[in-house]
Amino acid sequence: METIIRKIKESKGFVSIEVVFVAGALIVLASMVMFFFNGKAHDVSKTAGSTLDAVNKEMAGENDPAGTNP
């Protein structure tokens, strides 16, 4: 029996079940991270974009109630 198991382990293309489980766990973890943080990245970029728009308007004098910007 041991010779059969040794032949299988030494054969080309043998992958232990532990490696398969670890690879599967990494794939599941990566997919969960992508799923949960996808919306957060969109919110951050949207907030940054609106902040940049406000700064551009202020620099252009559109949002200056005192009229101090030329």
PDB file of N, CA and C in Angstrom:
ATOM      1  N   MET A   1       0.820  -1.196   0.000  1.00  0.00           N
ATOM      2  CA  MET A   1       0.000   0.000   0.000  1.00  0.00           C
ATOM      3  C   MET A   1       0.864   1.260   0.000  1.00  0.00           C
ATOM      4  N   GLU A   2       1.932   1.260   0.774  1.00  0.00           N
ATOM      5  CA  GLU A   2       2.805   2.431   0.826  1.00  0.00           C
ATOM      6  C   GLU A   2       3.472   2.687  -0.509  1.00  0.00           C
ATOM      7  N   THR A   3       3.790   1.643  -1.236  1.00  0.00           N
ATOM      8  CA  THR A   3       4.432   1.847  -2.538  1.00  0.00           C
ATOM      9  C   THR A   3       3.473   2.516  -3.518  1.00  0.00           C
ATOM     10  N   ILE A   4       2.211   2.190  -3.423  1.00  0.00           N
ATOM     11  CA  ILE A   4       1.218   2.805  -4.313  1.00  0.00           C
ATOM     12  C   ILE A   4       1.093   4.292  -3.981  1.00  0.00           C
ATOM     13  N   ILE A   5       0.999   4.623  -2.703  1.00  0.00           N
ATOM     14  CA  ILE A   5       0.885   6.020  -2.291  1.00  0.00           C
ATOM     15  C   ILE A   5       2.138   6.791  -2.682  1.00  0.00           C
ATOM     16  N   ARG A   6       3.295   6.187  -2.494  1.00  0.00           N
ATOM     17  CA  ARG A   6       4.547   6.858  -2.866  1.00  0.00           C
ATOM     18  C   ARG A   6       4.606   7.092  -4.367  1.00  0.00           C
ATOM     19  N   LYS A   7       4.154   6.130  -5.167  1.00  0.00           N
ATOM     20  CA  LYS A   7       4.145   6.301  -6.615  1.00  0.00           C
ATOM     21  C   LYS A   7       3.217   7.449  -7.028  1.00  0.00           C
ATOM     22  N   ILE A   8       2.081   7.538  -6.351  1.00  0.00           N
ATOM     23  CA  ILE A   8       1.140   8.612  -6.672  1.00  0.00           C
ATOM     24  C   ILE A   8       1.751   9.961  -6.314  1.00  0.00           C
ATOM     25  N   LYS A   9       2.375  10.066  -5.121  1.00  0.00           N
ATOM     26  CA  LYS A   9       2.979  11.330  -4.693  1.00  0.00           C
ATOM     27  C   LYS A   9       4.125  11.743  -5.592  1.00  0.00           C
ATOM     28  N   GLU A  10       4.887  10.785  -6.076  1.00  0.00           N
ATOM     29  CA  GLU A  10       6.038  11.104  -6.918  1.00  0.00           C
ATOM     30  C   GLU A  10       5.668  11.276  -8.383  1.00  0.00           C
ATOM     31  N   SER A  11       4.442  10.947  -8.731  1.00  0.00           N
ATOM     32  CA  SER A  11       4.035  11.066 -10.133  1.00  0.00           C
ATOM     33  C   SER A  11       3.905  12.529 -10.518  1.00  0.00           C
ATOM     34  N   LYS A  12       4.051  12.780 -11.793  1.00  0.00           N
ATOM     35  CA  LYS A  12       3.974  14.140 -12.307  1.00  0.00           C
ATOM     36  C   LYS A  12       2.526  14.622 -12.240  1.00  0.00           C
ATOM     37  N   GLY A  13       2.328  15.842 -11.728  1.00  0.00           N
ATOM     38  CA  GLY A  13       0.997  16.415 -11.672  1.00  0.00           C
ATOM     39  C   GLY A  13       0.253  16.149 -10.386  1.00  0.00           C
ATOM     40  N   PHE A  14       0.885  15.524  -9.402  1.00  0.00           N
ATOM     41  CA  PHE A  14       0.210  15.271  -8.129  1.00  0.00           C
ATOM     42  C   PHE A  14       0.098  16.556  -7.329  1.00  0.00           C
ATOM     43  N   VAL A  15      -1.109  16.847  -6.832  1.00  0.00           N
ATOM     44  CA  VAL A  15      -1.347  18.016  -5.991  1.00  0.00           C
ATOM     45  C   VAL A  15      -2.052  17.519  -4.727  1.00  0.00           C
ATOM     46  N   SER A  16      -1.487  17.858  -3.581  1.00  0.00           N
ATOM     47  CA  SER A  16      -2.108  17.399  -2.336  1.00  0.00           C
ATOM     48  C   SER A  16      -3.396  18.164  -2.082  1.00  0.00           C
ATOM     49  N   ILE A  17      -4.282  17.572  -1.318  1.00  0.00           N
ATOM     50  CA  ILE A  17      -5.586  18.167  -1.047  1.00  0.00           C
ATOM     51  C   ILE A  17      -5.443  19.435  -0.208  1.00  0.00           C
ATOM     52  N   GLU A  18      -4.387  19.511   0.618  1.00  0.00           N
ATOM     53  CA  GLU A  18      -4.173  20.716   1.425  1.00  0.00           C
ATOM     54  C   GLU A  18      -3.916  21.928   0.532  1.00  0.00           C
ATOM     55  N   VAL A  19      -3.144  21.738  -0.518  1.00  0.00           N
ATOM     56  CA  VAL A  19      -2.853  22.830  -1.449  1.00  0.00           C
ATOM     57  C   VAL A  19      -4.135  23.287  -2.137  1.00  0.00           C
ATOM     58  N   VAL A  20      -4.983  22.362  -2.480  1.00  0.00           N
ATOM     59  CA  VAL A  20      -6.251  22.695  -3.126  1.00  0.00           C
ATOM     60  C   VAL A  20      -7.129  23.504  -2.165  1.00  0.00           C
ATOM     61  N   PHE A  21      -7.183  23.098  -0.896  1.00  0.00           N
ATOM     62  CA  PHE A  21      -7.988  23.836   0.093  1.00  0.00           C
ATOM     63  C   PHE A  21      -7.439  25.236   0.333  1.00  0.00           C
ATOM     64  N   VAL A  22      -6.128  25.369   0.427  1.00  0.00           N
ATOM     65  CA  VAL A  22      -5.529  26.689   0.650  1.00  0.00           C
ATOM     66  C   VAL A  22      -5.802  27.598  -0.541  1.00  0.00           C
ATOM     67  N   ALA A  23      -5.645  27.081  -1.745  1.00  0.00           N
ATOM     68  CA  ALA A  23      -5.906  27.880  -2.940  1.00  0.00           C
ATOM     69  C   ALA A  23      -7.381  28.294  -2.992  1.00  0.00           C
ATOM     70  N   GLY A  24      -8.262  27.384  -2.664  1.00  0.00           N
ATOM     71  CA  GLY A  24      -9.698  27.703  -2.641  1.00  0.00           C
ATOM     72  C   GLY A  24     -10.020  28.762  -1.605  1.00  0.00           C
ATOM     73  N   ALA A  25      -9.404  28.658  -0.420  1.00  0.00           N
ATOM     74  CA  ALA A  25      -9.639  29.650   0.630  1.00  0.00           C
ATOM     75  C   ALA A  25      -9.145  31.023   0.193  1.00  0.00           C
ATOM     76  N   LEU A  26      -8.006  31.085  -0.479  1.00  0.00           N
ATOM     77  CA  LEU A  26      -7.494  32.365  -0.972  1.00  0.00           C
ATOM     78  C   LEU A  26      -8.415  32.970  -2.025  1.00  0.00           C
ATOM     79  N   ILE A  27      -8.940  32.150  -2.882  1.00  0.00           N
ATOM     80  CA  ILE A  27      -9.854  32.635  -3.917  1.00  0.00           C
ATOM     81  C   ILE A  27     -11.136  33.174  -3.283  1.00  0.00           C
ATOM     82  N   VAL A  28     -11.676  32.467  -2.302  1.00  0.00           N
ATOM     83  CA  VAL A  28     -12.889  32.919  -1.620  1.00  0.00           C
ATOM     84  C   VAL A  28     -12.619  34.225  -0.875  1.00  0.00           C
ATOM     85  N   LEU A  29     -11.490  34.301  -0.187  1.00  0.00           N
ATOM     86  CA  LEU A  29     -11.138  35.520   0.542  1.00  0.00           C
ATOM     87  C   LEU A  29     -10.983  36.712  -0.399  1.00  0.00           C
ATOM     88  N   ALA A  30     -10.310  36.506  -1.518  1.00  0.00           N
ATOM     89  CA  ALA A  30     -10.122  37.592  -2.486  1.00  0.00           C
ATOM     90  C   ALA A  30     -11.459  38.048  -3.071  1.00  0.00           C
ATOM     91  N   SER A  31     -12.343  37.123  -3.348  1.00  0.00           N
ATOM     92  CA  SER A  31     -13.644  37.509  -3.903  1.00  0.00           C
ATOM     93  C   SER A  31     -14.475  38.267  -2.875  1.00  0.00           C
ATOM     94  N   MET A  32     -14.380  37.892  -1.597  1.00  0.00           N
ATOM     95  CA  MET A  32     -15.107  38.614  -0.554  1.00  0.00           C
ATOM     96  C   MET A  32     -14.560  40.028  -0.390  1.00  0.00           C
ATOM     97  N   VAL A  33     -13.253  40.180  -0.429  1.00  0.00           N
ATOM     98  CA  VAL A  33     -12.637  41.504  -0.306  1.00  0.00           C
ATOM     99  C   VAL A  33     -13.076  42.391  -1.463  1.00  0.00           C
ATOM    100  N   MET A  34     -13.047  41.857  -2.675  1.00  0.00           N
ATOM    101  CA  MET A  34     -13.464  42.637  -3.837  1.00  0.00           C
ATOM    102  C   MET A  34     -14.936  43.026  -3.733  1.00  0.00           C
ATOM    103  N   PHE A  35     -15.770  42.120  -3.257  1.00  0.00           N
ATOM    104  CA  PHE A  35     -17.207  42.394  -3.147  1.00  0.00           C
ATOM    105  C   PHE A  35     -17.483  43.481  -2.124  1.00  0.00           C
ATOM    106  N   PHE A  36     -16.863  43.407  -0.951  1.00  0.00           N
ATOM    107  CA  PHE A  36     -17.174  44.347   0.119  1.00  0.00           C
ATOM    108  C   PHE A  36     -16.521  45.710  -0.066  1.00  0.00           C
ATOM    109  N   PHE A  37     -15.362  45.774  -0.702  1.00  0.00           N
ATOM    110  CA  PHE A  37     -14.678  47.043  -0.835  1.00  0.00           C
ATOM    111  C   PHE A  37     -14.903  47.725  -2.175  1.00  0.00           C
ATOM    112  N   ASN A  38     -15.644  47.121  -3.059  1.00  0.00           N
ATOM    113  CA  ASN A  38     -15.923  47.728  -4.353  1.00  0.00           C
ATOM    114  C   ASN A  38     -16.733  49.009  -4.183  1.00  0.00           C
ATOM    115  N   GLY A  39     -17.755  48.982  -3.351  1.00  0.00           N
ATOM    116  CA  GLY A  39     -18.578  50.161  -3.120  1.00  0.00           C
ATOM    117  C   GLY A  39     -17.822  51.260  -2.397  1.00  0.00           C
ATOM    118  N   LYS A  40     -16.924  50.889  -1.500  1.00  0.00           N
ATOM    119  CA  LYS A  40     -16.156  51.879  -0.752  1.00  0.00           C
ATOM    120  C   LYS A  40     -15.254  52.677  -1.680  1.00  0.00           C
ATOM    121  N   ALA A  41     -14.613  52.029  -2.617  1.00  0.00           N
ATOM    122  CA  ALA A  41     -13.733  52.729  -3.549  1.00  0.00           C
ATOM    123  C   ALA A  41     -14.532  53.715  -4.399  1.00  0.00           C
ATOM    124  N   HIS A  42     -15.725  53.337  -4.784  1.00  0.00           N
ATOM    125  CA  HIS A  42     -16.571  54.239  -5.571  1.00  0.00           C
ATOM    126  C   HIS A  42     -16.962  55.458  -4.739  1.00  0.00           C
ATOM    127  N   ASP A  43     -17.318  55.242  -3.468  1.00  0.00           N
ATOM    128  CA  ASP A  43     -17.701  56.361  -2.598  1.00  0.00           C
ATOM    129  C   ASP A  43     -16.539  57.314  -2.377  1.00  0.00           C
ATOM    130  N   VAL A  44     -15.345  56.770  -2.184  1.00  0.00           N
ATOM    131  CA  VAL A  44     -14.171  57.611  -1.949  1.00  0.00           C
ATOM    132  C   VAL A  44     -13.872  58.459  -3.183  1.00  0.00           C
ATOM    133  N   SER A  45     -13.925  57.863  -4.366  1.00  0.00           N
ATOM    134  CA  SER A  45     -13.642  58.627  -5.581  1.00  0.00           C
ATOM    135  C   SER A  45     -14.717  59.674  -5.835  1.00  0.00           C
ATOM    136  N   LYS A  46     -15.962  59.356  -5.507  1.00  0.00           N
ATOM    137  CA  LYS A  46     -17.048  60.317  -5.685  1.00  0.00           C
ATOM    138  C   LYS A  46     -16.861  61.506  -4.740  1.00  0.00           C
ATOM    139  N   THR A  47     -16.499  61.245  -3.483  1.00  0.00           N
ATOM    140  CA  THR A  47     -16.274  62.310  -2.505  1.00  0.00           C
ATOM    141  C   THR A  47     -15.084  63.176  -2.910  1.00  0.00           C
ATOM    142  N   ALA A  48     -14.021  62.539  -3.351  1.00  0.00           N
ATOM    143  CA  ALA A  48     -12.839  63.296  -3.771  1.00  0.00           C
ATOM    144  C   ALA A  48     -13.168  64.164  -4.982  1.00  0.00           C
ATOM    145  N   GLY A  49     -13.944  63.644  -5.890  1.00  0.00           N
ATOM    146  CA  GLY A  49     -14.326  64.417  -7.069  1.00  0.00           C
ATOM    147  C   GLY A  49     -15.164  65.630  -6.717  1.00  0.00           C
ATOM    148  N   SER A  50     -16.117  65.464  -5.804  1.00  0.00           N
ATOM    149  CA  SER A  50     -16.941  66.616  -5.421  1.00  0.00           C
ATOM    150  C   SER A  50     -16.125  67.641  -4.641  1.00  0.00           C
ATOM    151  N   THR A  51     -15.154  67.188  -3.860  1.00  0.00           N
ATOM    152  CA  THR A  51     -14.279  68.121  -3.144  1.00  0.00           C
ATOM    153  C   THR A  51     -13.427  68.915  -4.126  1.00  0.00           C
ATOM    154  N   LEU A  52     -12.902  68.260  -5.129  1.00  0.00           N
ATOM    155  CA  LEU A  52     -12.113  68.959  -6.146  1.00  0.00           C
ATOM    156  C   LEU A  52     -12.965  69.956  -6.916  1.00  0.00           C
ATOM    157  N   ASP A  53     -14.200  69.603  -7.201  1.00  0.00           N
ATOM    158  CA  ASP A  53     -15.098  70.537  -7.890  1.00  0.00           C
ATOM    159  C   ASP A  53     -15.352  71.784  -7.038  1.00  0.00           C
ATOM    160  N   ALA A  54     -15.546  71.582  -5.735  1.00  0.00           N
ATOM    161  CA  ALA A  54     -15.777  72.719  -4.843  1.00  0.00           C
ATOM    162  C   ALA A  54     -14.552  73.622  -4.768  1.00  0.00           C
ATOM    163  N   VAL A  55     -13.381  73.021  -4.722  1.00  0.00           N
ATOM    164  CA  VAL A  55     -12.143  73.813  -4.675  1.00  0.00           C
ATOM    165  C   VAL A  55     -11.955  74.585  -5.975  1.00  0.00           C
ATOM    166  N   ASN A  56     -12.220  73.950  -7.100  1.00  0.00           N
ATOM    167  CA  ASN A  56     -12.097  74.637  -8.387  1.00  0.00           C
ATOM    168  C   ASN A  56     -13.059  75.819  -8.486  1.00  0.00           C
ATOM    169  N   LYS A  57     -14.283  75.628  -8.006  1.00  0.00           N
ATOM    170  CA  LYS A  57     -15.255  76.730  -8.023  1.00  0.00           C
ATOM    171  C   LYS A  57     -14.795  77.870  -7.125  1.00  0.00           C
ATOM    172  N   GLU A  58     -14.261  77.527  -5.961  1.00  0.00           N
ATOM    173  CA  GLU A  58     -13.796  78.564  -5.040  1.00  0.00           C
ATOM    174  C   GLU A  58     -12.610  79.322  -5.623  1.00  0.00           C
ATOM    175  N   MET A  59     -11.700  78.597  -6.263  1.00  0.00           N
ATOM    176  CA  MET A  59     -10.543  79.250  -6.874  1.00  0.00           C
ATOM    177  C   MET A  59     -10.963  80.133  -8.046  1.00  0.00           C
ATOM    178  N   ALA A  60     -12.030  79.764  -8.729  1.00  0.00           N
ATOM    179  CA  ALA A  60     -12.514  80.541  -9.864  1.00  0.00           C
ATOM    180  C   ALA A  60     -13.361  81.725  -9.430  1.00  0.00           C
ATOM    181  N   GLY A  61     -13.722  81.798  -8.138  1.00  0.00           N
ATOM    182  CA  GLY A  61     -14.501  82.904  -7.635  1.00  0.00           C
ATOM    183  C   GLY A  61     -15.990  82.701  -7.718  1.00  0.00           C
ATOM    184  N   GLU A  62     -16.444  81.527  -8.128  1.00  0.00           N
ATOM    185  CA  GLU A  62     -17.880  81.262  -8.255  1.00  0.00           C
ATOM    186  C   GLU A  62     -18.558  81.118  -6.897  1.00  0.00           C
ATOM    187  N   ASN A  63     -17.781  80.707  -5.906  1.00  0.00           N
ATOM    188  CA  ASN A  63     -18.356  80.410  -4.598  1.00  0.00           C
ATOM    189  C   ASN A  63     -17.814  81.383  -3.563  1.00  0.00           C
ATOM    190  N   ASP A  64     -17.569  82.630  -3.940  1.00  0.00           N
ATOM    191  CA  ASP A  64     -16.957  83.623  -3.069  1.00  0.00           C
ATOM    192  C   ASP A  64     -17.984  84.704  -2.748  1.00  0.00           C
ATOM    193  N   PRO A  65     -18.672  84.588  -1.609  1.00  0.00           N
ATOM    194  CA  PRO A  65     -19.716  85.562  -1.324  1.00  0.00           C
ATOM    195  C   PRO A  65     -19.191  86.958  -1.034  1.00  0.00           C
ATOM    196  N   ALA A  66     -17.983  87.080  -0.535  1.00  0.00           N
ATOM    197  CA  ALA A  66     -17.437  88.402  -0.212  1.00  0.00           C
ATOM    198  C   ALA A  66     -16.865  89.095  -1.444  1.00  0.00           C
ATOM    199  N   GLY A  67     -16.640  88.361  -2.504  1.00  0.00           N
ATOM    200  CA  GLY A  67     -16.095  88.930  -3.728  1.00  0.00           C
ATOM    201  C   GLY A  67     -14.635  89.311  -3.619  1.00  0.00           C
ATOM    202  N   THR A  68     -13.899  88.586  -2.786  1.00  0.00           N
ATOM    203  CA  THR A  68     -12.498  88.917  -2.587  1.00  0.00           C
ATOM    204  C   THR A  68     -11.586  88.363  -3.674  1.00  0.00           C
ATOM    205  N   ASN A  69     -12.035  87.321  -4.367  1.00  0.00           N
ATOM    206  CA  ASN A  69     -11.234  86.768  -5.461  1.00  0.00           C
ATOM    207  C   ASN A  69     -11.484  87.566  -6.722  1.00  0.00           C
ATOM    208  N   PRO A  70     -10.430  87.903  -7.480  1.00  0.00           N
ATOM    209  CA  PRO A  70     -10.617  88.690  -8.719  1.00  0.00           C
ATOM    210  C   PRO A  70     -11.292  87.916  -9.815  1.00  0.00           C
TER     211      PRO A  70
END
